[in-house]
Amino acid sequence: MKAIKGLHPLFPEICLPKLLKGMALDIIVPSVGESISEVTLAKWLKIDGSYVERDEVLAELESEKATFEINAVEAGVLKIIAGEGDTLKIGDIACSIDTTAERPEDAPQPEPQSQPTDKPSAAPQSQPQSQPQTPSPKATPVAAAIIADKKIDPNTVTPSGSQGKILKQDVLSALENPGRKPGIEAFTRAQRPEKMSNLRKTVSRRLVEAKNTTAMLTTFNEVDMGPIMELRKLYKDGFNKKHGVNLGFMSFFTKACCFALQEWPSVNAKIDGDQIVFHDFCDISIAVSAPKGLVVPVIRNAESMSMADIEKKVVELATKARDNKLTIEEMTGGTFTLTNGGVFGSMMSTPIINIPQSAILGMHKIQERPMAINGKVEIRPMMYLALSYDHRIIDGRESVSFLVRVKELLEKPEQLLFGKDPVKTLLEL
């Protein structure tokens, strides 16, 4: 019998449940992109035999680019067909729903987490058990990202922030001093093979492709972050009060790169066959370390966005990345990439180009160092910058000049207003 269309809220035309005998509905794997032929069933969110309501999320599927969900198209009893970790092709049956089953009198509660509450002995343990269920609100965004990336149990981290909030330094301290007691806790010699996810396979393939197909070179510079740090200190409270978002470093770097990209368009271009494609816009990709691997969502037309708009978009994309909610459209495209290894403590690195782009800027840890300023030694908060670029399209002069321009804009943030020195603009120099 013909498939029913238009029932899935995310894929109204391509997620097609098939009508079986009686009123049982097959839920098939939807098409999620022209280049994607198979996905991995990451996790079932409902258990086999449970009664599900219409539009309830049943499972998470993972493609090579993103994680998405499949929903119940009708209410009924769930029958799971595919198992967690299975690789499914587009159109394969993931599960079915028996719509003829009667709705149970009590509200459907298939979640196994509710079972331990029936035990009397669970009462005194209810308070500590509730802590790992909501780690995100008790950790700063940077700390939460490191916890997810390193797969750390939040209960093993000693918080030092206000109201018990976990800070970045708390997580780094926990990594440096895991608290293993010699002679009591010991590592085993067991090996644990784990199947690579589609996302990890794609990341691996693209990184190797970038190394093998581009003439990649890296140039370095350093920037005095003192002016930006002073500016943030002066205006962060007012900025947050007016715009509802914190004033971070990413908006400054994004703005600086947008101005520099417009001055040096080859850094914002790409090679397509025997042609060079120049972009009159700046779609800035932001590398984010998500729980399931590296993802690179895109800020569209960043050159026309305000500082507040950029900060809001960064928070939105980073949150979606941590929750595995990014869509393929949000990760497609991009003309230039920013990556910040400094949040994990990196002092210097050579980032790999995000092909088909031609350049990527690496930000690093801010470290106080003695610097010669006007013949005197001063302690300044310095950051190393690394620009990896494709030498086939970007010459040394262009790459170095681009990086120097970014440095100038960051050390004189008032130029970010319209990309020029206010005094020189006044004097028409």
Protein backbone atom coordinates (compact mmCIF):
# COMPACT_ATOMS: atom_id res chain seq x y z
CA MET A 1 0.00 0.00 0.00
CA LYS A 2 1.19 3.50 -0.72
CA ALA A 3 3.24 5.39 1.87
CA ILE A 4 1.53 8.17 3.83
CA LYS A 5 3.08 11.60 3.33
CA GLY A 6 3.23 14.75 5.39
CA LEU A 7 3.02 13.28 8.89
CA HIS A 8 6.49 13.93 10.24
CA PRO A 9 7.00 17.46 11.66
CA LEU A 10 10.66 17.72 10.63
CA PHE A 11 10.48 15.89 7.29
CA PRO A 12 6.90 16.39 6.03
CA GLU A 13 7.60 15.17 2.51
CA ILE A 14 10.29 12.54 2.90
CA CYS A 15 9.63 10.65 6.16
CA LEU A 16 7.02 8.19 4.91
CA PRO A 17 5.44 5.61 7.28
CA LYS A 18 4.05 2.60 5.45
CA LEU A 19 0.65 1.12 6.25
CA LEU A 20 0.88 -2.56 7.21
CA LYS A 21 -1.67 -5.21 8.11
CA GLY A 22 -4.47 -3.80 10.23
CA MET A 23 -3.36 -0.42 11.47
CA ALA A 24 0.36 -1.02 12.12
CA LEU A 25 2.60 1.75 10.81
CA ASP A 26 6.21 1.25 9.75
CA ILE A 27 8.48 4.17 10.62
CA ILE A 28 11.27 4.33 8.04
CA VAL A 29 14.58 6.20 7.99
CA PRO A 30 13.97 9.56 6.27
CA SER A 31 16.17 11.13 3.64
CA VAL A 32 18.27 13.86 5.24
CA GLY A 33 20.39 15.05 2.34
CA GLU A 34 21.35 14.25 -1.22
CA SER A 35 24.81 12.94 -0.33
CA ILE A 36 23.73 10.83 2.68
CA SER A 37 22.80 7.20 1.98
CA GLU A 38 22.97 5.69 5.46
CA VAL A 39 22.69 6.65 9.14
CA THR A 40 23.41 5.11 12.53
CA LEU A 41 20.67 4.52 15.08
CA ALA A 42 22.30 6.24 18.02
CA LYS A 43 19.76 5.77 20.83
CA TRP A 44 16.18 4.68 21.49
CA LEU A 45 14.33 7.17 23.68
CA LYS A 46 11.34 4.82 24.18
CA ILE A 47 11.39 1.17 25.18
CA ASP A 48 9.96 -1.71 23.18
CA GLY A 49 6.29 -2.36 23.93
CA SER A 50 5.65 1.07 25.43
CA TYR A 51 2.63 3.15 24.50
CA VAL A 52 3.67 6.32 22.66
CA GLU A 53 1.72 9.44 21.84
CA ARG A 54 1.62 11.09 18.45
CA ASP A 55 4.65 13.32 17.73
CA GLU A 56 6.64 11.85 20.65
CA VAL A 57 10.36 11.51 19.90
CA LEU A 58 11.19 7.83 19.51
CA ALA A 59 14.89 7.69 18.67
CA GLU A 60 17.96 9.66 17.66
CA LEU A 61 19.62 8.95 14.31
CA GLU A 62 23.13 10.08 13.47
CA SER A 63 24.28 10.88 9.96
CA GLU A 64 27.78 11.84 8.88
CA LYS A 65 26.86 15.50 9.33
CA ALA A 66 24.26 15.82 12.07
CA THR A 67 22.01 14.12 14.61
CA PHE A 68 18.25 14.18 14.09
CA GLU A 69 15.14 12.55 15.55
CA ILE A 70 12.29 10.34 14.37
CA ASN A 71 8.83 10.89 15.82
CA ALA A 72 5.71 8.81 16.29
CA VAL A 73 3.26 9.63 13.50
CA GLU A 74 0.34 8.14 15.44
CA ALA A 75 -0.36 7.00 19.00
CA GLY A 76 0.03 3.30 19.72
CA VAL A 77 2.29 0.53 21.00
CA LEU A 78 5.91 0.72 19.83
CA LYS A 79 7.65 -2.29 18.33
CA ILE A 80 11.41 -1.76 17.93
CA ILE A 81 12.96 -3.38 14.86
CA ALA A 82 16.43 -1.85 14.52
CA GLY A 83 18.87 -1.92 17.42
CA GLU A 84 21.09 0.81 18.83
CA GLY A 85 24.32 1.12 16.88
CA ASP A 86 22.84 -0.43 13.71
CA THR A 87 23.71 1.17 10.39
CA LEU A 88 20.52 1.78 8.41
CA LYS A 89 20.05 2.84 4.82
CA ILE A 90 17.57 5.54 3.84
CA GLY A 91 14.15 3.87 3.64
CA ASP A 92 14.96 1.02 6.06
CA ILE A 93 12.39 0.28 8.76
CA ALA A 94 13.41 1.47 12.21
CA CYS A 95 10.26 0.52 14.14
CA SER A 96 6.51 0.11 13.84
CA ILE A 97 3.51 1.40 15.79
CA ASP A 98 0.37 -0.68 16.45
CA THR A 99 -2.36 1.93 16.32
CA THR A 100 -5.08 -0.62 17.19
CA ALA A 101 -3.73 -1.11 20.72
CA GLU A 102 -5.85 0.38 23.48
CA ARG A 103 -4.51 3.29 25.44
CA PRO A 104 -3.60 2.16 28.98
CA GLU A 105 -5.59 3.70 31.81
CA ASP A 106 -2.54 5.04 33.59
CA ALA A 107 -0.39 7.60 31.83
CA PRO A 108 2.34 5.97 29.73
CA GLN A 109 5.63 6.11 31.61
CA PRO A 110 8.06 3.86 29.75
CA GLU A 111 11.11 5.63 31.13
CA PRO A 112 13.13 3.18 33.27
CA GLN A 113 14.44 6.03 35.44
CA SER A 114 11.15 6.12 37.38
CA GLN A 115 11.52 2.53 38.72
CA PRO A 116 14.05 3.14 41.55
CA THR A 117 11.70 5.63 43.21
CA ASP A 118 9.47 2.75 44.34
CA LYS A 119 12.15 1.43 46.68
CA PRO A 120 12.02 2.77 50.25
CA SER A 121 15.82 2.75 50.46
CA ALA A 122 16.04 5.20 47.55
CA ALA A 123 14.71 8.11 49.60
CA PRO A 124 17.97 9.14 51.28
CA GLN A 125 19.78 8.79 47.94
CA SER A 126 17.30 10.91 45.96
CA GLN A 127 19.21 14.13 46.49
CA PRO A 128 22.64 12.98 45.17
CA GLN A 129 21.02 11.02 42.33
CA SER A 130 19.39 14.18 41.00
CA GLN A 131 22.72 15.94 40.51
CA PRO A 132 23.98 14.19 37.32
CA GLN A 133 20.60 14.63 35.62
CA THR A 134 21.04 18.38 35.23
CA PRO A 135 24.81 19.10 34.99
CA SER A 136 24.50 21.91 32.44
CA PRO A 137 22.84 24.54 34.71
CA LYS A 138 25.55 23.96 37.31
CA ALA A 139 28.50 24.53 35.00
CA THR A 140 29.65 27.44 32.90
CA PRO A 141 29.34 26.91 29.11
CA VAL A 142 33.10 26.37 28.72
CA ALA A 143 33.20 23.95 31.67
CA ALA A 144 30.18 22.06 30.30
CA ALA A 145 31.87 21.73 26.90
CA ILE A 146 35.07 20.30 28.44
CA ILE A 147 33.03 17.90 30.62
CA ALA A 148 31.16 16.63 27.56
CA ASP A 149 34.29 16.38 25.40
CA LYS A 150 36.39 14.54 28.02
CA LYS A 151 33.40 12.49 29.28
CA ILE A 152 33.95 13.51 32.89
CA ASP A 153 31.50 12.68 35.67
CA PRO A 154 30.43 16.12 37.01
CA ASN A 155 30.20 14.62 40.51
CA THR A 156 33.99 14.14 40.53
CA VAL A 157 34.61 17.85 39.92
CA THR A 158 34.83 20.13 42.97
CA PRO A 159 33.00 23.39 42.11
CA SER A 160 34.45 26.72 43.18
CA GLY A 161 31.93 29.11 41.59
CA SER A 162 29.05 30.88 43.24
CA GLN A 163 26.09 28.68 44.23
CA GLY A 164 28.08 25.54 43.51
CA LYS A 165 28.74 26.30 39.84
CA ILE A 166 31.54 24.39 38.11
CA LEU A 167 34.13 26.67 36.48
CA LYS A 168 36.57 25.88 33.69
CA GLN A 169 39.52 25.77 36.11
CA ASP A 170 37.65 23.24 38.27
CA VAL A 171 37.40 20.85 35.32
CA LEU A 172 41.05 21.36 34.32
CA SER A 173 42.12 20.68 37.92
CA ALA A 174 40.06 17.49 37.94
CA LEU A 175 41.81 16.35 34.75
CA GLU A 176 45.27 17.09 36.16
CA ASN A 177 44.50 15.47 39.55
CA PRO A 178 41.96 12.69 38.99
CA GLY A 179 42.22 11.67 42.65
CA ARG A 180 43.26 8.05 42.13
CA LYS A 181 44.42 6.45 45.37
CA PRO A 182 47.62 4.41 44.89
CA GLY A 183 47.23 0.79 45.92
CA ILE A 184 43.42 1.01 46.09
CA GLU A 185 42.27 1.99 42.61
CA ALA A 186 44.09 0.47 39.65
CA PHE A 187 43.70 0.50 35.90
CA THR A 188 42.79 -2.75 34.19
CA ARG A 189 44.34 -4.20 31.05
CA ALA A 190 40.99 -4.63 29.36
CA GLN A 191 40.53 -3.34 25.83
CA ARG A 192 37.27 -1.75 24.76
CA PRO A 193 36.65 -1.60 21.01
CA GLU A 194 34.09 0.98 19.98
CA LYS A 195 32.60 1.45 16.53
CA MET A 196 33.36 4.79 14.91
CA SER A 197 30.31 6.97 14.44
CA ASN A 198 29.42 8.34 11.02
CA LEU A 199 30.31 11.81 12.28
CA ARG A 200 33.77 10.69 13.42
CA LYS A 201 34.34 8.89 10.11
CA THR A 202 33.46 12.06 8.22
CA VAL A 203 35.73 14.22 10.39
CA SER A 204 38.61 11.78 9.86
CA ARG A 205 38.09 11.63 6.10
CA ARG A 206 37.88 15.40 5.69
CA LEU A 207 40.98 16.08 7.82
CA VAL A 208 43.06 13.64 5.80
CA GLU A 209 41.63 15.06 2.56
CA ALA A 210 42.59 18.58 3.65
CA LYS A 211 46.18 17.51 4.38
CA ASN A 212 46.51 15.63 1.08
CA THR A 213 44.77 18.03 -1.33
CA THR A 214 45.86 21.49 -0.15
CA ALA A 215 49.23 23.23 -0.05
CA MET A 216 48.73 24.08 3.61
CA LEU A 217 51.02 26.47 5.41
CA THR A 218 50.69 28.23 8.78
CA THR A 219 51.78 31.72 9.77
CA PHE A 220 51.84 32.97 13.36
CA ASN A 221 51.50 36.24 15.21
CA GLU A 222 50.57 37.38 18.70
CA VAL A 223 48.03 39.90 19.93
CA ASP A 224 47.86 41.97 23.12
CA MET A 225 44.41 41.18 24.53
CA GLY A 226 44.65 43.94 27.16
CA PRO A 227 42.48 46.52 25.31
CA ILE A 228 39.67 44.04 24.69
CA MET A 229 39.81 42.74 28.26
CA GLU A 230 39.58 46.29 29.60
CA LEU A 231 36.68 47.05 27.27
CA ARG A 232 34.83 43.92 28.39
CA LYS A 233 35.46 44.80 32.03
CA LEU A 234 33.93 48.25 31.54
CA TYR A 235 30.89 47.30 29.50
CA LYS A 236 30.08 43.64 30.19
CA ASP A 237 27.34 44.37 32.76
CA GLY A 238 25.62 46.98 30.62
CA PHE A 239 25.97 44.80 27.53
CA ASN A 240 24.38 41.83 29.28
CA LYS A 241 21.58 43.94 30.73
CA LYS A 242 20.68 45.46 27.36
CA HIS A 243 21.15 42.47 25.06
CA GLY A 244 20.64 39.50 27.41
CA VAL A 245 23.93 37.86 26.42
CA ASN A 246 27.51 38.03 27.70
CA LEU A 247 30.17 39.99 25.84
CA GLY A 248 32.72 37.37 24.88
CA PHE A 249 35.88 37.29 22.78
CA MET A 250 34.27 35.55 19.80
CA SER A 251 32.36 38.63 18.62
CA PHE A 252 35.59 40.69 18.57
CA PHE A 253 37.44 38.05 16.56
CA THR A 254 34.53 37.56 14.18
CA LYS A 255 34.22 41.29 13.53
CA ALA A 256 37.98 41.69 13.06
CA CYS A 257 38.13 38.77 10.61
CA CYS A 258 35.18 40.12 8.60
CA PHE A 259 36.95 43.46 8.04
CA ALA A 260 40.24 41.74 7.21
CA LEU A 261 38.54 39.29 4.82
CA GLN A 262 37.03 42.17 2.88
CA GLU A 263 40.48 43.76 2.57
CA TRP A 264 42.12 40.47 1.53
CA PRO A 265 39.41 38.65 -0.49
CA SER A 266 41.58 35.67 -1.49
CA VAL A 267 41.56 34.52 2.16
CA ASN A 268 37.76 34.39 1.87
CA ALA A 269 37.80 32.54 -1.47
CA LYS A 270 37.95 28.90 -2.55
CA ILE A 271 39.24 26.84 -5.47
CA ASP A 272 36.60 25.14 -7.65
CA GLY A 273 38.25 23.12 -10.37
CA ASP A 274 40.33 25.57 -12.41
CA GLN A 275 38.47 28.61 -11.05
CA ILE A 276 38.81 30.76 -7.96
CA VAL A 277 35.46 31.61 -6.39
CA PHE A 278 35.46 34.89 -4.46
CA HIS A 279 32.75 35.64 -1.88
CA ASP A 280 31.34 39.11 -1.29
CA PHE A 281 30.00 37.95 2.07
CA CYS A 282 31.53 36.47 5.22
CA ASP A 283 29.95 33.23 6.41
CA ILE A 284 32.06 32.47 9.47
CA SER A 285 32.29 28.85 10.60
CA ILE A 286 32.83 28.31 14.34
CA ALA A 287 34.50 25.04 15.36
CA VAL A 288 32.68 23.56 18.36
CA SER A 289 33.65 20.46 20.33
CA ALA A 290 30.34 18.60 20.74
CA PRO A 291 29.81 15.39 22.78
CA LYS A 292 29.85 13.27 19.60
CA GLY A 293 32.73 15.02 17.86
CA LEU A 294 33.84 18.20 16.16
CA VAL A 295 31.14 20.20 14.39
CA VAL A 296 31.45 23.51 12.55
CA PRO A 297 28.21 25.52 12.46
CA VAL A 298 28.09 28.68 10.35
CA ILE A 299 27.23 32.31 11.16
CA ARG A 300 25.71 33.65 7.92
CA ASN A 301 26.58 37.18 6.77
CA ALA A 302 28.58 37.90 9.90
CA GLU A 303 29.93 41.07 8.25
CA SER A 304 26.51 42.73 8.59
CA MET A 305 25.77 41.60 12.15
CA SER A 306 26.21 43.61 15.35
CA MET A 307 28.35 42.44 18.26
CA ALA A 308 25.22 41.43 20.20
CA ASP A 309 23.82 39.51 17.21
CA ILE A 310 27.08 37.61 16.83
CA GLU A 311 27.22 36.71 20.53
CA LYS A 312 23.60 35.52 20.47
CA LYS A 313 24.24 33.39 17.40
CA VAL A 314 27.38 31.87 18.93
CA VAL A 315 25.45 30.89 22.08
CA GLU A 316 22.59 29.47 20.00
CA LEU A 317 24.86 27.35 17.79
CA ALA A 318 27.06 26.18 20.68
CA THR A 319 23.98 25.11 22.67
CA LYS A 320 22.57 23.21 19.70
CA ALA A 321 25.94 21.53 19.18
CA ARG A 322 26.10 20.32 22.80
CA ASP A 323 22.52 19.05 22.56
CA ASN A 324 23.12 17.44 19.13
CA LYS A 325 20.36 19.61 17.63
CA LEU A 326 22.27 21.22 14.76
CA THR A 327 20.68 20.87 11.34
CA ILE A 328 22.59 20.10 8.16
CA GLU A 329 21.81 23.59 6.85
CA GLU A 330 23.43 25.14 9.92
CA MET A 331 26.67 23.25 9.21
CA THR A 332 26.74 23.66 5.44
CA GLY A 333 28.83 26.27 3.69
CA GLY A 334 31.06 28.78 5.38
CA THR A 335 33.83 30.84 3.79
CA PHE A 336 36.29 31.10 6.72
CA THR A 337 36.67 29.25 10.02
CA LEU A 338 37.52 30.26 13.58
CA THR A 339 38.69 27.68 16.10
CA ASN A 340 39.52 28.36 19.74
CA GLY A 341 41.83 25.82 21.32
CA GLY A 342 42.53 28.27 24.11
CA VAL A 343 39.45 27.16 26.05
CA PHE A 344 41.22 23.81 26.56
CA GLY A 345 44.56 25.41 27.45
CA SER A 346 46.33 25.25 24.08
CA MET A 347 49.23 27.71 23.80
CA MET A 348 49.91 27.22 20.08
CA SER A 349 48.77 24.89 17.31
CA THR A 350 48.51 24.61 13.53
CA PRO A 351 44.79 24.21 12.72
CA ILE A 352 43.78 22.19 9.64
CA ILE A 353 41.84 23.95 6.87
CA ASN A 354 38.11 23.23 6.76
CA ILE A 355 37.84 22.35 3.05
CA PRO A 356 36.71 23.64 0.59
CA GLN A 357 37.61 26.83 2.45
CA SER A 358 41.11 28.24 2.02
CA ALA A 359 42.00 29.45 5.52
CA ILE A 360 41.32 28.96 9.22
CA LEU A 361 42.29 31.14 12.20
CA GLY A 362 43.35 29.43 15.42
CA MET A 363 42.90 31.27 18.73
CA HIS A 364 44.84 30.16 21.81
CA LYS A 365 45.18 30.60 25.55
CA ILE A 366 45.68 34.11 26.93
CA GLN A 367 48.92 34.07 28.87
CA GLU A 368 50.58 36.92 30.76
CA ARG A 369 54.10 37.47 29.43
CA PRO A 370 56.79 40.16 29.74
CA MET A 371 56.70 42.42 26.68
CA ALA A 372 58.90 45.36 25.63
CA ILE A 373 56.56 48.40 25.50
CA ASN A 374 58.17 51.75 24.57
CA GLY A 375 61.54 50.60 25.88
CA LYS A 376 60.11 49.23 29.14
CA VAL A 377 59.21 45.69 30.19
CA GLU A 378 55.51 45.25 30.99
CA ILE A 379 53.44 42.20 31.81
CA ARG A 380 50.71 41.93 29.16
CA PRO A 381 47.96 39.34 28.46
CA MET A 382 49.11 37.88 25.15
CA MET A 383 47.52 35.38 22.78
CA TYR A 384 49.18 33.53 19.92
CA LEU A 385 47.24 33.52 16.63
CA ALA A 386 47.78 30.91 13.91
CA LEU A 387 46.49 31.25 10.35
CA SER A 388 46.61 28.07 8.29
CA TYR A 389 46.01 28.74 4.60
CA ASP A 390 46.08 27.09 1.19
CA HIS A 391 49.18 28.40 -0.54
CA ARG A 392 47.70 27.55 -3.95
CA ILE A 393 45.32 30.51 -3.68
CA ILE A 394 46.77 32.67 -0.88
CA ASP A 395 50.28 34.09 -1.18
CA GLY A 396 52.55 34.75 1.79
CA ARG A 397 52.05 38.50 1.53
CA GLU A 398 48.27 38.15 1.70
CA SER A 399 48.27 35.69 4.59
CA VAL A 400 50.70 37.69 6.72
CA SER A 401 48.96 40.98 5.92
CA PHE A 402 45.59 39.47 6.82
CA LEU A 403 46.87 38.28 10.19
CA VAL A 404 48.57 41.61 10.92
CA ARG A 405 45.30 43.40 10.10
CA VAL A 406 43.38 41.15 12.53
CA LYS A 407 46.00 41.93 15.18
CA GLU A 408 45.64 45.69 14.61
CA LEU A 409 41.86 45.57 14.87
CA LEU A 410 41.97 43.56 18.09
CA GLU A 411 44.58 45.78 19.74
CA LYS A 412 42.58 48.87 18.76
CA PRO A 413 38.99 47.63 19.11
CA GLU A 414 37.55 51.09 18.41
CA GLN A 415 38.45 50.41 14.76
CA LEU A 416 35.87 47.63 14.71
CA LEU A 417 33.16 50.29 14.50
CA PHE A 418 33.75 50.70 10.76
CA GLY A 419 37.13 49.11 10.14
CA LYS A 420 39.25 52.27 10.19
CA ASP A 421 41.18 54.36 12.68
CA PRO A 422 38.79 57.13 13.88
CA VAL A 423 41.51 59.80 13.95
CA LYS A 424 42.78 58.93 10.47
CA THR A 425 39.21 58.90 9.23
CA LEU A 426 38.63 62.33 10.72
CA LEU A 427 41.77 63.66 9.05
CA GLU A 428 40.97 61.79 5.80
CA LEU A 429 44.35 60.07 5.88
